[in-house]
Every structure is written in structure tokens, then in C-alpha cells.
């Protein structure tokens, strides 16, 4: 799925910086759907990633905003059990 997030919008409620894509080479951003968000975030941090703020829990997903050691952002997403089990 491709989601367009234009420059000037906020990437998360945990940060005040607006998107300008200076951190990324392009506005391409990776999201990883994981079965256990807390465990995946812990593994990512152990591998050198930084978590940007707390995990956000929403009706449609839970998300952890992450940055790799080179400053590239990526998200870890856990879907609700009902959505995750849909065909």
C-alpha cells in the first residue's frame, strides 16, 4: 500500500518537526506489520534503531515510529487481531 504524506505535514503526534524529506533520500518510507509490536520495537532498538516517542495505539492499529542508525525512518505496525486474521 502506498500512502502519500506531503511535505509540511506532521509524521506523528510525538514530534513537532514537519515532513520535509531532508532525512530521507525520497519520500519513500517502509512500514513493517508485526505480530507483537512491543517485542519488535525492542528487537529494533537492540539492533541500533531509535524509537521516536511512545507506541501510539489507535482503533485501526498500533504504531511505533522508528529511525535506523543512519537516520532513515520506518514504522512498526501491529494490526488489531480481527484485521490481522482477515483473508
C-alpha atoms as a PDB file:
ATOM      1  CA  UNK A   1       0.000   0.000   0.000  1.00  0.00           C
ATOM      2  CA  UNK A   2       1.312   3.456  -0.829  1.00  0.00           C
ATOM      3  CA  UNK A   3       0.263   6.365   1.337  1.00  0.00           C
ATOM      4  CA  UNK A   4       1.195   9.876   0.239  1.00  0.00           C
ATOM      5  CA  UNK A   5       2.216  12.197   3.067  1.00  0.00           C
ATOM      6  CA  UNK A   6       3.098  15.599   1.618  1.00  0.00           C
ATOM      7  CA  UNK A   7       5.897  17.832   2.912  1.00  0.00           C
ATOM      8  CA  UNK A   8       4.743  20.127   5.712  1.00  0.00           C
ATOM      9  CA  UNK A   9       2.610  17.517   7.498  1.00  0.00           C
ATOM     10  CA  UNK A  10       3.442  16.010  10.911  1.00  0.00           C
ATOM     11  CA  UNK A  11       4.795  12.438  10.859  1.00  0.00           C
ATOM     12  CA  UNK A  12       3.459  11.669  14.362  1.00  0.00           C
ATOM     13  CA  UNK A  13       1.940  13.338  17.394  1.00  0.00           C
ATOM     14  CA  UNK A  14       5.201  12.726  19.284  1.00  0.00           C
ATOM     15  CA  UNK A  15       7.236  15.185  17.211  1.00  0.00           C
ATOM     16  CA  UNK A  16       6.835  18.846  16.296  1.00  0.00           C
ATOM     17  CA  UNK A  17       9.005  18.722  13.170  1.00  0.00           C
ATOM     18  CA  UNK A  18       7.156  18.770   9.873  1.00  0.00           C
ATOM     19  CA  UNK A  19       7.913  16.449   6.976  1.00  0.00           C
ATOM     20  CA  UNK A  20      10.484  17.934   4.618  1.00  0.00           C
ATOM     21  CA  UNK A  21      12.093  14.697   3.345  1.00  0.00           C
ATOM     22  CA  UNK A  22      15.556  16.032   4.170  1.00  0.00           C
ATOM     23  CA  UNK A  23      16.037  12.950   6.355  1.00  0.00           C
ATOM     24  CA  UNK A  24      15.140  10.600   3.507  1.00  0.00           C
ATOM     25  CA  UNK A  25      16.515  10.457   0.001  1.00  0.00           C
ATOM     26  CA  UNK A  26      12.956  10.282  -1.269  1.00  0.00           C
ATOM     27  CA  UNK A  27       9.552  10.324   0.385  1.00  0.00           C
ATOM     28  CA  UNK A  28       9.637   6.505   0.334  1.00  0.00           C
ATOM     29  CA  UNK A  29       9.157   5.118   3.804  1.00  0.00           C
ATOM     30  CA  UNK A  30       8.944   1.498   4.972  1.00  0.00           C
ATOM     31  CA  UNK A  31       6.264   0.151   7.298  1.00  0.00           C
ATOM     32  CA  UNK A  32       6.559  -3.343   8.755  1.00  0.00           C
ATOM     33  CA  UNK A  33       3.462  -5.152  10.030  1.00  0.00           C
ATOM     34  CA  UNK A  34       4.486  -7.236  13.036  1.00  0.00           C
ATOM     35  CA  UNK A  35       2.527  -9.652  15.262  1.00  0.00           C
ATOM     36  CA  UNK A  36       3.931  -8.250  18.550  1.00  0.00           C
ATOM     37  CA  UNK A  37       4.766  -4.543  18.381  1.00  0.00           C
ATOM     38  CA  UNK A  38       6.454  -4.230  21.785  1.00  0.00           C
ATOM     39  CA  UNK A  39       8.746  -7.194  21.062  1.00  0.00           C
ATOM     40  CA  UNK A  40       9.563  -5.949  17.541  1.00  0.00           C
ATOM     41  CA  UNK A  41      10.386  -2.455  18.833  1.00  0.00           C
ATOM     42  CA  UNK A  42      12.639  -3.957  21.497  1.00  0.00           C
ATOM     43  CA  UNK A  43      14.482  -6.037  18.859  1.00  0.00           C
ATOM     44  CA  UNK A  44      14.860  -2.996  16.596  1.00  0.00           C
ATOM     45  CA  UNK A  45      16.298  -0.904  19.456  1.00  0.00           C
ATOM     46  CA  UNK A  46      18.706  -3.734  20.333  1.00  0.00           C
ATOM     47  CA  UNK A  47      19.862  -3.709  16.695  1.00  0.00           C
ATOM     48  CA  UNK A  48      20.631   0.045  16.833  1.00  0.00           C
ATOM     49  CA  UNK A  49      17.329   1.713  15.919  1.00  0.00           C
ATOM     50  CA  UNK A  50      15.863   4.595  17.907  1.00  0.00           C
ATOM     51  CA  UNK A  51      12.206   4.731  18.868  1.00  0.00           C
ATOM     52  CA  UNK A  52      10.713   8.189  18.340  1.00  0.00           C
ATOM     53  CA  UNK A  53       8.224   8.595  21.172  1.00  0.00           C
ATOM     54  CA  UNK A  54       5.823   6.110  22.701  1.00  0.00           C
ATOM     55  CA  UNK A  55       3.862   3.482  20.852  1.00  0.00           C
ATOM     56  CA  UNK A  56       0.623   5.039  19.616  1.00  0.00           C
ATOM     57  CA  UNK A  57      -2.498   2.912  19.991  1.00  0.00           C
ATOM     58  CA  UNK A  58      -5.343   3.673  17.608  1.00  0.00           C
ATOM     59  CA  UNK A  59      -8.594   1.906  16.719  1.00  0.00           C
ATOM     60  CA  UNK A  60      -7.129   0.600  13.442  1.00  0.00           C
ATOM     61  CA  UNK A  61      -3.540  -0.148  14.509  1.00  0.00           C
ATOM     62  CA  UNK A  62      -0.743   0.411  16.980  1.00  0.00           C
ATOM     63  CA  UNK A  63       2.414   2.033  15.641  1.00  0.00           C
ATOM     64  CA  UNK A  64       5.990   2.661  16.740  1.00  0.00           C
ATOM     65  CA  UNK A  65       7.877   5.348  14.819  1.00  0.00           C
ATOM     66  CA  UNK A  66      11.491   4.246  14.461  1.00  0.00           C
ATOM     67  CA  UNK A  67      14.740   5.543  12.975  1.00  0.00           C
ATOM     68  CA  UNK A  68      17.596   3.358  11.780  1.00  0.00           C
ATOM     69  CA  UNK A  69      21.202   4.188  12.774  1.00  0.00           C
ATOM     70  CA  UNK A  70      21.584   6.318   9.596  1.00  0.00           C
ATOM     71  CA  UNK A  71      18.524   8.478  10.291  1.00  0.00           C
ATOM     72  CA  UNK A  72      16.059   6.781   7.935  1.00  0.00           C
ATOM     73  CA  UNK A  73      12.590   6.487   9.389  1.00  0.00           C
ATOM     74  CA  UNK A  74      10.465   3.354   9.382  1.00  0.00           C
ATOM     75  CA  UNK A  75       7.369   2.253  11.250  1.00  0.00           C
ATOM     76  CA  UNK A  76       6.471  -0.934  13.049  1.00  0.00           C
ATOM     77  CA  UNK A  77       2.726  -1.605  12.933  1.00  0.00           C
ATOM     78  CA  UNK A  78       0.579  -4.115  14.784  1.00  0.00           C
ATOM     79  CA  UNK A  79      -2.945  -4.611  13.465  1.00  0.00           C
ATOM     80  CA  UNK A  80      -5.886  -5.483  15.702  1.00  0.00           C
ATOM     81  CA  UNK A  81      -6.430  -9.255  15.929  1.00  0.00           C
ATOM     82  CA  UNK A  82      -9.603  -9.048  13.803  1.00  0.00           C
ATOM     83  CA  UNK A  83      -7.836  -7.163  10.981  1.00  0.00           C
ATOM     84  CA  UNK A  84      -4.737  -9.360  11.158  1.00  0.00           C
ATOM     85  CA  UNK A  85      -6.788 -12.528  10.699  1.00  0.00           C
ATOM     86  CA  UNK A  86      -8.800 -11.257   7.707  1.00  0.00           C
ATOM     87  CA  UNK A  87      -8.173 -13.130   4.429  1.00  0.00           C
END
